[in-house]
């Protein structure tokens, strides 16, 4: 994983918008988040996380065959951020593309990589979730600016003889697209003086409605992968949800019958890092010994689209 050095605390936000540390923590659980310096790109964060993942996997960049970057904040609309990371890594033999599924991105990307590996077309995949959300946040909107942070997580995936990903689930609902979206910057509202004046290039969210749908969809998805893997919540050693806010996470755990003590949370330090969220949490859970060999882990995410997905793996 890799996060920017700059820390933005709730106390800092108190000086920027009308909010308080108590209000933020009581409603989200977030105490601080990391914010990239001006000029730092998503591919910069993705590269740093990728380098560490390759080192841990003892895989040379030139031997990477598939490179998938999940992001909603690409360096530019095109080329893909994966191509920029490929060039910087020297992964000249890899085919690269981006996955755009918002906060579900890293789960979608891992499932996508799994499918290619199962066919035998590729022998390994480098999957990265990376975001510089601070570039797209309206820092005058107290309902959204307190939630998000920047960061990247990465993993190397290869076929295994036992364990690995045992079950997956994905879903989408475009009818609720305007619950969480950024209207400007695409073909509908291309950049213009008017789009900037209307503040169309910032994230917009109906938090109340997103909360309701997110809880239901993530809980259903988590239960589905456990059922598909023929496992019960008692068999799951660690639950890694998308790190959106503590209220959502606690509700999902409750409805999925997963004890809260099995839930891994690090959002208090990083906020919502969207597509990077699940992989950053997985990295820290493994590093800190929360996840051990043979443990069953459920990862679940929910994001704009609306999208949701989960996977159950045996470490």
C-alpha atoms as a PDB file:
ATOM      1  CA  UNK A   1       0.000   0.000   0.000  1.00  0.00           C
ATOM      2  CA  UNK A   2       0.973   3.629  -0.260  1.00  0.00           C
ATOM      3  CA  UNK A   3      -0.613   6.774   1.156  1.00  0.00           C
ATOM      4  CA  UNK A   4       0.512  10.405   0.943  1.00  0.00           C
ATOM      5  CA  UNK A   5       2.497  11.817   3.851  1.00  0.00           C
ATOM      6  CA  UNK A   6       0.172  14.782   4.409  1.00  0.00           C
ATOM      7  CA  UNK A   7      -2.392  14.156   7.155  1.00  0.00           C
ATOM      8  CA  UNK A   8      -5.644  16.139   7.219  1.00  0.00           C
ATOM      9  CA  UNK A   9      -7.256  15.854  10.652  1.00  0.00           C
ATOM     10  CA  UNK A  10     -10.773  16.665  11.764  1.00  0.00           C
ATOM     11  CA  UNK A  11      -9.299  19.643  13.616  1.00  0.00           C
ATOM     12  CA  UNK A  12      -7.934  20.908  10.304  1.00  0.00           C
ATOM     13  CA  UNK A  13     -11.385  20.548   8.730  1.00  0.00           C
ATOM     14  CA  UNK A  14     -12.927  22.552  11.576  1.00  0.00           C
ATOM     15  CA  UNK A  15     -10.940  25.517  10.227  1.00  0.00           C
ATOM     16  CA  UNK A  16     -12.141  24.942   6.659  1.00  0.00           C
ATOM     17  CA  UNK A  17     -15.887  24.249   6.974  1.00  0.00           C
ATOM     18  CA  UNK A  18     -18.567  24.453   9.634  1.00  0.00           C
ATOM     19  CA  UNK A  19     -18.089  21.093  11.337  1.00  0.00           C
ATOM     20  CA  UNK A  20     -16.585  19.569  14.478  1.00  0.00           C
ATOM     21  CA  UNK A  21     -14.365  16.634  15.313  1.00  0.00           C
ATOM     22  CA  UNK A  22     -17.159  15.218  17.498  1.00  0.00           C
ATOM     23  CA  UNK A  23     -19.708  15.451  14.665  1.00  0.00           C
ATOM     24  CA  UNK A  24     -17.397  13.756  12.157  1.00  0.00           C
ATOM     25  CA  UNK A  25     -16.321  10.957  14.484  1.00  0.00           C
ATOM     26  CA  UNK A  26     -19.813  10.232  15.789  1.00  0.00           C
ATOM     27  CA  UNK A  27     -21.257   9.904  12.278  1.00  0.00           C
ATOM     28  CA  UNK A  28     -18.350   8.403  10.335  1.00  0.00           C
ATOM     29  CA  UNK A  29     -15.689   7.141  12.724  1.00  0.00           C
ATOM     30  CA  UNK A  30     -13.040   9.060  10.766  1.00  0.00           C
ATOM     31  CA  UNK A  31     -10.364  10.977  12.699  1.00  0.00           C
ATOM     32  CA  UNK A  32      -7.991  11.835   9.855  1.00  0.00           C
ATOM     33  CA  UNK A  33      -7.279  11.128   6.214  1.00  0.00           C
ATOM     34  CA  UNK A  34      -4.289  11.380   3.858  1.00  0.00           C
ATOM     35  CA  UNK A  35      -4.275  14.042   1.160  1.00  0.00           C
ATOM     36  CA  UNK A  36      -1.909  14.130  -1.801  1.00  0.00           C
ATOM     37  CA  UNK A  37       0.171  17.216  -2.480  1.00  0.00           C
ATOM     38  CA  UNK A  38      -0.845  19.267  -5.515  1.00  0.00           C
ATOM     39  CA  UNK A  39       0.630  17.644  -8.605  1.00  0.00           C
ATOM     40  CA  UNK A  40       0.566  14.099  -7.204  1.00  0.00           C
ATOM     41  CA  UNK A  41      -1.317  11.770  -9.543  1.00  0.00           C
ATOM     42  CA  UNK A  42      -3.194   8.533  -9.094  1.00  0.00           C
ATOM     43  CA  UNK A  43      -0.492   6.714 -11.069  1.00  0.00           C
ATOM     44  CA  UNK A  44       2.126   8.060  -8.620  1.00  0.00           C
ATOM     45  CA  UNK A  45       0.359   6.391  -5.681  1.00  0.00           C
ATOM     46  CA  UNK A  46      -0.405   3.266  -7.717  1.00  0.00           C
ATOM     47  CA  UNK A  47       3.251   2.893  -8.718  1.00  0.00           C
ATOM     48  CA  UNK A  48       4.497   2.983  -5.123  1.00  0.00           C
ATOM     49  CA  UNK A  49       1.975   0.366  -3.984  1.00  0.00           C
ATOM     50  CA  UNK A  50       2.784  -1.806  -7.016  1.00  0.00           C
ATOM     51  CA  UNK A  51       6.518  -1.763  -6.323  1.00  0.00           C
ATOM     52  CA  UNK A  52       5.981  -3.118  -2.808  1.00  0.00           C
ATOM     53  CA  UNK A  53       3.493  -5.761  -3.977  1.00  0.00           C
ATOM     54  CA  UNK A  54       5.944  -7.026  -6.604  1.00  0.00           C
ATOM     55  CA  UNK A  55       8.754  -7.142  -4.057  1.00  0.00           C
ATOM     56  CA  UNK A  56       6.653  -9.177  -1.636  1.00  0.00           C
ATOM     57  CA  UNK A  57       5.598 -11.556  -4.420  1.00  0.00           C
ATOM     58  CA  UNK A  58       9.197 -11.818  -5.670  1.00  0.00           C
ATOM     59  CA  UNK A  59       7.926 -11.037  -9.160  1.00  0.00           C
ATOM     60  CA  UNK A  60       9.922  -8.877 -11.560  1.00  0.00           C
ATOM     61  CA  UNK A  61       8.002  -6.104 -13.292  1.00  0.00           C
ATOM     62  CA  UNK A  62       9.053  -7.449 -16.695  1.00  0.00           C
ATOM     63  CA  UNK A  63       7.301 -10.733 -15.857  1.00  0.00           C
ATOM     64  CA  UNK A  64       3.894  -9.202 -15.054  1.00  0.00           C
ATOM     65  CA  UNK A  65       1.358 -10.429 -17.612  1.00  0.00           C
ATOM     66  CA  UNK A  66      -1.856  -8.604 -16.628  1.00  0.00           C
ATOM     67  CA  UNK A  67      -2.093  -5.184 -14.956  1.00  0.00           C
ATOM     68  CA  UNK A  68      -5.464  -3.854 -13.812  1.00  0.00           C
ATOM     69  CA  UNK A  69      -5.924  -0.480 -12.108  1.00  0.00           C
ATOM     70  CA  UNK A  70      -9.217   0.266 -10.374  1.00  0.00           C
ATOM     71  CA  UNK A  71      -9.831   3.992 -10.039  1.00  0.00           C
ATOM     72  CA  UNK A  72     -12.438   6.726 -10.355  1.00  0.00           C
ATOM     73  CA  UNK A  73      -9.764   9.422 -10.408  1.00  0.00           C
ATOM     74  CA  UNK A  74      -7.528   8.526 -13.367  1.00  0.00           C
ATOM     75  CA  UNK A  75      -4.614  10.779 -14.269  1.00  0.00           C
ATOM     76  CA  UNK A  76      -6.587  11.661 -17.406  1.00  0.00           C
ATOM     77  CA  UNK A  77      -9.548  10.284 -19.357  1.00  0.00           C
ATOM     78  CA  UNK A  78      -7.113   8.519 -21.660  1.00  0.00           C
ATOM     79  CA  UNK A  79      -4.740   6.793 -21.844  1.00  0.00           C
ATOM     80  CA  UNK A  80      -5.614   4.456 -19.004  1.00  0.00           C
ATOM     81  CA  UNK A  81      -3.823   4.849 -15.696  1.00  0.00           C
ATOM     82  CA  UNK A  82      -2.735   1.205 -16.033  1.00  0.00           C
ATOM     83  CA  UNK A  83      -0.692   2.088 -19.125  1.00  0.00           C
ATOM     84  CA  UNK A  84       1.030   4.912 -17.247  1.00  0.00           C
ATOM     85  CA  UNK A  85       1.841   2.559 -14.352  1.00  0.00           C
ATOM     86  CA  UNK A  86       3.034  -0.112 -16.787  1.00  0.00           C
ATOM     87  CA  UNK A  87       5.484   2.292 -18.390  1.00  0.00           C
ATOM     88  CA  UNK A  88       6.876   3.538 -15.084  1.00  0.00           C
ATOM     89  CA  UNK A  89       7.249   0.031 -13.655  1.00  0.00           C
ATOM     90  CA  UNK A  90       8.873  -1.314 -16.790  1.00  0.00           C
ATOM     91  CA  UNK A  91       6.198  -4.006 -17.023  1.00  0.00           C
ATOM     92  CA  UNK A  92       6.640  -4.110 -20.785  1.00  0.00           C
ATOM     93  CA  UNK A  93       5.103  -7.562 -21.179  1.00  0.00           C
ATOM     94  CA  UNK A  94       1.852  -6.744 -19.400  1.00  0.00           C
ATOM     95  CA  UNK A  95      -1.494  -5.936 -20.953  1.00  0.00           C
ATOM     96  CA  UNK A  96      -3.128  -3.158 -18.937  1.00  0.00           C
ATOM     97  CA  UNK A  97      -6.557  -1.646 -18.544  1.00  0.00           C
ATOM     98  CA  UNK A  98      -8.565   0.267 -15.944  1.00  0.00           C
ATOM     99  CA  UNK A  99     -11.706  -0.768 -14.084  1.00  0.00           C
ATOM    100  CA  UNK A 100     -14.219   1.957 -13.221  1.00  0.00           C
ATOM    101  CA  UNK A 101     -16.557   0.725 -10.495  1.00  0.00           C
ATOM    102  CA  UNK A 102     -15.979   3.489  -7.926  1.00  0.00           C
ATOM    103  CA  UNK A 103     -15.585   2.152  -4.369  1.00  0.00           C
ATOM    104  CA  UNK A 104     -16.214  -1.412  -5.588  1.00  0.00           C
ATOM    105  CA  UNK A 105     -13.225  -1.088  -7.902  1.00  0.00           C
ATOM    106  CA  UNK A 106     -10.598  -3.231  -6.193  1.00  0.00           C
ATOM    107  CA  UNK A 107     -13.052  -6.082  -5.577  1.00  0.00           C
ATOM    108  CA  UNK A 108     -14.230  -5.910  -9.207  1.00  0.00           C
ATOM    109  CA  UNK A 109     -10.612  -5.818 -10.405  1.00  0.00           C
ATOM    110  CA  UNK A 110      -9.626  -8.838  -8.308  1.00  0.00           C
ATOM    111  CA  UNK A 111     -12.593 -10.808  -9.607  1.00  0.00           C
ATOM    112  CA  UNK A 112     -11.764  -9.764 -13.182  1.00  0.00           C
ATOM    113  CA  UNK A 113      -8.148 -10.880 -12.765  1.00  0.00           C
ATOM    114  CA  UNK A 114      -9.322 -14.164 -11.274  1.00  0.00           C
ATOM    115  CA  UNK A 115     -11.357 -14.928 -14.393  1.00  0.00           C
ATOM    116  CA  UNK A 116      -8.354 -14.404 -16.683  1.00  0.00           C
ATOM    117  CA  UNK A 117      -6.171 -16.581 -14.441  1.00  0.00           C
ATOM    118  CA  UNK A 118      -8.782 -19.348 -14.353  1.00  0.00           C
ATOM    119  CA  UNK A 119      -8.804 -19.564 -18.157  1.00  0.00           C
ATOM    120  CA  UNK A 120      -5.040 -20.009 -18.154  1.00  0.00           C
ATOM    121  CA  UNK A 121      -4.596 -17.035 -20.492  1.00  0.00           C
ATOM    122  CA  UNK A 122      -2.343 -15.304 -17.950  1.00  0.00           C
ATOM    123  CA  UNK A 123      -0.137 -16.751 -15.211  1.00  0.00           C
ATOM    124  CA  UNK A 124      -0.123 -13.694 -12.973  1.00  0.00           C
ATOM    125  CA  UNK A 125      -1.870 -10.376 -12.453  1.00  0.00           C
ATOM    126  CA  UNK A 126      -0.981  -7.150 -10.691  1.00  0.00           C
ATOM    127  CA  UNK A 127      -4.151  -5.548  -9.344  1.00  0.00           C
ATOM    128  CA  UNK A 128      -4.092  -1.982  -8.005  1.00  0.00           C
ATOM    129  CA  UNK A 129      -6.770   0.213  -6.445  1.00  0.00           C
ATOM    130  CA  UNK A 130      -5.703   3.867  -6.374  1.00  0.00           C
ATOM    131  CA  UNK A 131      -7.368   7.236  -5.873  1.00  0.00           C
ATOM    132  CA  UNK A 132      -6.566  10.932  -5.548  1.00  0.00           C
ATOM    133  CA  UNK A 133     -10.080  11.871  -4.480  1.00  0.00           C
ATOM    134  CA  UNK A 134      -8.931  15.164  -2.964  1.00  0.00           C
ATOM    135  CA  UNK A 135      -8.744  16.548  -6.513  1.00  0.00           C
ATOM    136  CA  UNK A 136     -12.487  16.046  -6.968  1.00  0.00           C
ATOM    137  CA  UNK A 137     -13.812  17.037  -3.554  1.00  0.00           C
ATOM    138  CA  UNK A 138     -15.693  20.279  -2.973  1.00  0.00           C
ATOM    139  CA  UNK A 139     -13.877  21.536   0.105  1.00  0.00           C
ATOM    140  CA  UNK A 140     -16.797  23.879   0.870  1.00  0.00           C
ATOM    141  CA  UNK A 141     -19.286  20.977   1.092  1.00  0.00           C
ATOM    142  CA  UNK A 142     -19.134  19.734   4.675  1.00  0.00           C
ATOM    143  CA  UNK A 143     -21.307  16.703   3.908  1.00  0.00           C
ATOM    144  CA  UNK A 144     -18.700  15.161   1.590  1.00  0.00           C
ATOM    145  CA  UNK A 145     -15.301  16.756   2.245  1.00  0.00           C
ATOM    146  CA  UNK A 146     -14.987  15.070   5.654  1.00  0.00           C
ATOM    147  CA  UNK A 147     -15.367  11.571   4.190  1.00  0.00           C
ATOM    148  CA  UNK A 148     -12.673  10.958   1.622  1.00  0.00           C
ATOM    149  CA  UNK A 149      -8.926  10.427   1.444  1.00  0.00           C
ATOM    150  CA  UNK A 150      -6.188   9.483  -1.017  1.00  0.00           C
ATOM    151  CA  UNK A 151      -4.243   6.234  -1.228  1.00  0.00           C
ATOM    152  CA  UNK A 152      -3.402   3.056  -3.120  1.00  0.00           C
ATOM    153  CA  UNK A 153      -3.358  -0.669  -2.436  1.00  0.00           C
ATOM    154  CA  UNK A 154      -1.968  -3.440  -4.639  1.00  0.00           C
ATOM    155  CA  UNK A 155      -1.735  -7.204  -4.800  1.00  0.00           C
ATOM    156  CA  UNK A 156      -0.224  -9.861  -7.029  1.00  0.00           C
ATOM    157  CA  UNK A 157      -2.521 -12.725  -7.970  1.00  0.00           C
ATOM    158  CA  UNK A 158      -1.450 -16.132  -9.260  1.00  0.00           C
ATOM    159  CA  UNK A 159      -3.060 -19.590  -9.494  1.00  0.00           C
ATOM    160  CA  UNK A 160      -2.868 -21.612  -6.273  1.00  0.00           C
ATOM    161  CA  UNK A 161      -3.246 -25.331  -5.605  1.00  0.00           C
ATOM    162  CA  UNK A 162      -5.401 -24.808  -2.502  1.00  0.00           C
ATOM    163  CA  UNK A 163      -7.353 -21.975  -0.947  1.00  0.00           C
ATOM    164  CA  UNK A 164      -7.391 -18.661  -2.789  1.00  0.00           C
ATOM    165  CA  UNK A 165     -10.659 -17.123  -3.962  1.00  0.00           C
ATOM    166  CA  UNK A 166     -13.481 -19.552  -3.209  1.00  0.00           C
ATOM    167  CA  UNK A 167     -16.549 -17.484  -4.186  1.00  0.00           C
ATOM    168  CA  UNK A 168     -17.392 -14.147  -5.785  1.00  0.00           C
ATOM    169  CA  UNK A 169     -20.398 -11.902  -6.329  1.00  0.00           C
ATOM    170  CA  UNK A 170     -20.966  -8.670  -8.261  1.00  0.00           C
ATOM    171  CA  UNK A 171     -23.971  -6.457  -8.973  1.00  0.00           C
ATOM    172  CA  UNK A 172     -25.010  -3.116 -10.457  1.00  0.00           C
ATOM    173  CA  UNK A 173     -28.046  -0.824 -10.420  1.00  0.00           C
ATOM    174  CA  UNK A 174     -27.851   2.082 -12.861  1.00  0.00           C
ATOM    175  CA  UNK A 175     -31.308   3.356 -11.869  1.00  0.00           C
ATOM    176  CA  UNK A 176     -29.700   4.836  -8.739  1.00  0.00           C
ATOM    177  CA  UNK A 177     -26.734   6.405 -10.553  1.00  0.00           C
ATOM    178  CA  UNK A 178     -27.465   9.932  -9.346  1.00  0.00           C
ATOM    179  CA  UNK A 179     -27.214   8.988  -5.692  1.00  0.00           C
ATOM    180  CA  UNK A 180     -23.431   9.279  -6.016  1.00  0.00           C
ATOM    181  CA  UNK A 181     -21.819  10.856  -9.068  1.00  0.00           C
ATOM    182  CA  UNK A 182     -19.646  13.581 -10.562  1.00  0.00           C
ATOM    183  CA  UNK A 183     -21.577  15.171 -13.427  1.00  0.00           C
ATOM    184  CA  UNK A 184     -18.821  17.147 -15.149  1.00  0.00           C
ATOM    185  CA  UNK A 185     -15.807  16.109 -17.209  1.00  0.00           C
ATOM    186  CA  UNK A 186     -17.365  13.537 -19.537  1.00  0.00           C
ATOM    187  CA  UNK A 187     -19.233  13.801 -22.829  1.00  0.00           C
ATOM    188  CA  UNK A 188     -22.460  14.917 -21.118  1.00  0.00           C
ATOM    189  CA  UNK A 189     -20.926  17.966 -19.452  1.00  0.00           C
ATOM    190  CA  UNK A 190     -17.473  18.456 -20.977  1.00  0.00           C
ATOM    191  CA  UNK A 191     -15.158  20.981 -19.326  1.00  0.00           C
ATOM    192  CA  UNK A 192     -16.253  24.556 -19.985  1.00  0.00           C
ATOM    193  CA  UNK A 193     -16.534  27.880 -18.180  1.00  0.00           C
ATOM    194  CA  UNK A 194     -20.166  27.003 -17.516  1.00  0.00           C
ATOM    195  CA  UNK A 195     -19.432  23.551 -16.049  1.00  0.00           C
ATOM    196  CA  UNK A 196     -16.792  25.027 -13.751  1.00  0.00           C
ATOM    197  CA  UNK A 197     -19.087  27.852 -12.652  1.00  0.00           C
ATOM    198  CA  UNK A 198     -21.785  25.290 -11.845  1.00  0.00           C
ATOM    199  CA  UNK A 199     -19.258  23.225  -9.829  1.00  0.00           C
ATOM    200  CA  UNK A 200     -20.023  20.135 -11.893  1.00  0.00           C
ATOM    201  CA  UNK A 201     -16.514  18.726 -11.505  1.00  0.00           C
ATOM    202  CA  UNK A 202     -16.971  17.796  -7.863  1.00  0.00           C
ATOM    203  CA  UNK A 203     -18.372  14.646  -6.270  1.00  0.00           C
ATOM    204  CA  UNK A 204     -22.068  14.782  -5.338  1.00  0.00           C
ATOM    205  CA  UNK A 205     -23.808  12.379  -2.985  1.00  0.00           C
ATOM    206  CA  UNK A 206     -27.183  11.741  -1.399  1.00  0.00           C
ATOM    207  CA  UNK A 207     -25.729  10.256   1.774  1.00  0.00           C
ATOM    208  CA  UNK A 208     -28.992   9.112   3.351  1.00  0.00           C
ATOM    209  CA  UNK A 209     -30.096   7.108   0.327  1.00  0.00           C
ATOM    210  CA  UNK A 210     -26.616   5.697  -0.304  1.00  0.00           C
ATOM    211  CA  UNK A 211     -26.498   4.482   3.303  1.00  0.00           C
ATOM    212  CA  UNK A 212     -29.730   2.515   2.973  1.00  0.00           C
ATOM    213  CA  UNK A 213     -28.831   0.818  -0.296  1.00  0.00           C
ATOM    214  CA  UNK A 214     -25.201   0.186   0.665  1.00  0.00           C
ATOM    215  CA  UNK A 215     -26.103  -1.681   3.840  1.00  0.00           C
ATOM    216  CA  UNK A 216     -28.613  -3.933   2.131  1.00  0.00           C
ATOM    217  CA  UNK A 217     -26.534  -4.714  -0.948  1.00  0.00           C
ATOM    218  CA  UNK A 218     -23.265  -5.369   0.900  1.00  0.00           C
ATOM    219  CA  UNK A 219     -24.938  -7.585   3.499  1.00  0.00           C
ATOM    220  CA  UNK A 220     -26.724  -9.596   0.793  1.00  0.00           C
ATOM    221  CA  UNK A 221     -23.526  -9.941  -1.214  1.00  0.00           C
ATOM    222  CA  UNK A 222     -21.468 -11.077   1.779  1.00  0.00           C
ATOM    223  CA  UNK A 223     -24.095 -13.683   2.682  1.00  0.00           C
ATOM    224  CA  UNK A 224     -24.177 -14.873  -0.923  1.00  0.00           C
ATOM    225  CA  UNK A 225     -20.438 -15.627  -1.143  1.00  0.00           C
ATOM    226  CA  UNK A 226     -20.506 -17.421   2.186  1.00  0.00           C
ATOM    227  CA  UNK A 227     -23.396 -19.579   0.977  1.00  0.00           C
ATOM    228  CA  UNK A 228     -21.686 -20.248  -2.381  1.00  0.00           C
ATOM    229  CA  UNK A 229     -18.525 -21.351  -0.551  1.00  0.00           C
ATOM    230  CA  UNK A 230     -20.676 -23.472   1.782  1.00  0.00           C
ATOM    231  CA  UNK A 231     -19.381 -21.617   4.816  1.00  0.00           C
ATOM    232  CA  UNK A 232     -21.157 -19.978   7.737  1.00  0.00           C
ATOM    233  CA  UNK A 233     -20.177 -16.735   9.491  1.00  0.00           C
ATOM    234  CA  UNK A 234     -18.515 -18.888  12.177  1.00  0.00           C
ATOM    235  CA  UNK A 235     -16.013 -20.070   9.547  1.00  0.00           C
ATOM    236  CA  UNK A 236     -14.959 -16.512   8.621  1.00  0.00           C
ATOM    237  CA  UNK A 237     -11.954 -15.252  10.567  1.00  0.00           C
ATOM    238  CA  UNK A 238     -11.845 -11.726   9.091  1.00  0.00           C
ATOM    239  CA  UNK A 239     -14.399  -9.445   7.421  1.00  0.00           C
ATOM    240  CA  UNK A 240     -12.977  -6.597   5.331  1.00  0.00           C
ATOM    241  CA  UNK A 241     -15.725  -4.211   4.202  1.00  0.00           C
ATOM    242  CA  UNK A 242     -15.266  -1.101   2.106  1.00  0.00           C
ATOM    243  CA  UNK A 243     -14.130   1.552   4.555  1.00  0.00           C
ATOM    244  CA  UNK A 244     -16.937   4.075   4.063  1.00  0.00           C
ATOM    245  CA  UNK A 245     -18.058   4.849   7.602  1.00  0.00           C
ATOM    246  CA  UNK A 246     -18.479   2.938  10.830  1.00  0.00           C
ATOM    247  CA  UNK A 247     -22.277   3.115  10.846  1.00  0.00           C
ATOM    248  CA  UNK A 248     -22.508   1.411   7.449  1.00  0.00           C
ATOM    249  CA  UNK A 249     -19.899  -1.190   8.415  1.00  0.00           C
ATOM    250  CA  UNK A 250     -21.595  -2.026  11.723  1.00  0.00           C
ATOM    251  CA  UNK A 251     -24.985  -2.359  10.022  1.00  0.00           C
ATOM    252  CA  UNK A 252     -23.581  -4.594   7.269  1.00  0.00           C
ATOM    253  CA  UNK A 253     -21.889  -6.851   9.823  1.00  0.00           C
ATOM    254  CA  UNK A 254     -25.132  -7.123  11.784  1.00  0.00           C
ATOM    255  CA  UNK A 255     -27.293  -8.042   8.780  1.00  0.00           C
ATOM    256  CA  UNK A 256     -24.656 -10.466   7.444  1.00  0.00           C
ATOM    257  CA  UNK A 257     -24.496 -12.160  10.868  1.00  0.00           C
ATOM    258  CA  UNK A 258     -20.773 -11.412  11.153  1.00  0.00           C
ATOM    259  CA  UNK A 259     -19.571 -10.587  14.693  1.00  0.00           C
ATOM    260  CA  UNK A 260     -18.204  -7.040  14.943  1.00  0.00           C
ATOM    261  CA  UNK A 261     -15.004  -8.339  16.543  1.00  0.00           C
ATOM    262  CA  UNK A 262     -14.186 -10.060  13.220  1.00  0.00           C
ATOM    263  CA  UNK A 263     -14.512  -6.799  11.269  1.00  0.00           C
ATOM    264  CA  UNK A 264     -11.301  -5.046  10.251  1.00  0.00           C
ATOM    265  CA  UNK A 265     -11.497  -1.235  10.169  1.00  0.00           C
ATOM    266  CA  UNK A 266      -8.830   1.359   9.402  1.00  0.00           C
ATOM    267  CA  UNK A 267     -11.053   4.177   8.128  1.00  0.00           C
ATOM    268  CA  UNK A 268     -10.320   6.178  11.270  1.00  0.00           C
ATOM    269  CA  UNK A 269      -6.843   6.825   9.812  1.00  0.00           C
ATOM    270  CA  UNK A 270      -7.559   7.041   6.088  1.00  0.00           C
ATOM    271  CA  UNK A 271     -11.208   7.910   5.540  1.00  0.00           C
ATOM    272  CA  UNK A 272     -12.917   6.550   2.426  1.00  0.00           C
ATOM    273  CA  UNK A 273     -10.242   5.857  -0.191  1.00  0.00           C
ATOM    274  CA  UNK A 274     -12.771   4.422  -2.665  1.00  0.00           C
ATOM    275  CA  UNK A 275     -11.199   1.803  -4.960  1.00  0.00           C
ATOM    276  CA  UNK A 276      -8.073   1.648  -2.774  1.00  0.00           C
ATOM    277  CA  UNK A 277     -10.054   0.954   0.393  1.00  0.00           C
ATOM    278  CA  UNK A 278     -10.328  -2.848   0.446  1.00  0.00           C
ATOM    279  CA  UNK A 279      -6.746  -3.491  -0.648  1.00  0.00           C
ATOM    280  CA  UNK A 280      -5.291  -1.060   1.899  1.00  0.00           C
ATOM    281  CA  UNK A 281      -7.309  -2.790   4.617  1.00  0.00           C
ATOM    282  CA  UNK A 282      -6.275  -6.257   3.390  1.00  0.00           C
ATOM    283  CA  UNK A 283      -2.619  -5.184   3.396  1.00  0.00           C
ATOM    284  CA  UNK A 284      -2.753  -3.891   6.964  1.00  0.00           C
ATOM    285  CA  UNK A 285      -4.736  -6.871   8.255  1.00  0.00           C
ATOM    286  CA  UNK A 286      -2.122  -9.270   6.871  1.00  0.00           C
ATOM    287  CA  UNK A 287       0.813  -7.120   7.998  1.00  0.00           C
ATOM    288  CA  UNK A 288      -0.541  -6.856  11.546  1.00  0.00           C
ATOM    289  CA  UNK A 289      -1.237 -10.585  11.862  1.00  0.00           C
ATOM    290  CA  UNK A 290      -5.009 -10.208  11.933  1.00  0.00           C
ATOM    291  CA  UNK A 291      -5.174 -12.525   8.912  1.00  0.00           C
ATOM    292  CA  UNK A 292      -3.155 -15.738   9.149  1.00  0.00           C
ATOM    293  CA  UNK A 293      -2.523 -18.621   6.792  1.00  0.00           C
ATOM    294  CA  UNK A 294      -5.676 -20.623   5.992  1.00  0.00           C
ATOM    295  CA  UNK A 295      -7.974 -17.930   7.431  1.00  0.00           C
ATOM    296  CA  UNK A 296     -11.214 -17.305   5.554  1.00  0.00           C
ATOM    297  CA  UNK A 297     -11.668 -13.651   4.603  1.00  0.00           C
ATOM    298  CA  UNK A 298     -14.746 -11.916   3.202  1.00  0.00           C
ATOM    299  CA  UNK A 299     -14.139  -8.692   1.275  1.00  0.00           C
ATOM    300  CA  UNK A 300     -17.184  -6.631   0.296  1.00  0.00           C
ATOM    301  CA  UNK A 301     -17.591  -3.226  -1.326  1.00  0.00           C
ATOM    302  CA  UNK A 302     -20.229  -0.780  -2.537  1.00  0.00           C
ATOM    303  CA  UNK A 303     -19.848   2.249  -4.770  1.00  0.00           C
ATOM    304  CA  UNK A 304     -21.225   4.647  -7.353  1.00  0.00           C
ATOM    305  CA  UNK A 305     -22.965   3.099 -10.307  1.00  0.00           C
ATOM    306  CA  UNK A 306     -24.452   1.803  -8.145  1.00  0.00           C
ATOM    307  CA  UNK A 307     -22.110  -1.181  -7.875  1.00  0.00           C
ATOM    308  CA  UNK A 308     -21.413  -3.791  -5.234  1.00  0.00           C
ATOM    309  CA  UNK A 309     -19.324  -6.924  -4.990  1.00  0.00           C
ATOM    310  CA  UNK A 310     -17.727  -9.378  -2.645  1.00  0.00           C
ATOM    311  CA  UNK A 311     -15.297 -12.249  -2.593  1.00  0.00           C
ATOM    312  CA  UNK A 312     -14.460 -14.945  -0.102  1.00  0.00           C
ATOM    313  CA  UNK A 313     -10.867 -16.120  -0.020  1.00  0.00           C
ATOM    314  CA  UNK A 314      -8.767 -18.523   1.992  1.00  0.00           C
ATOM    315  CA  UNK A 315      -5.447 -16.833   2.721  1.00  0.00           C
END
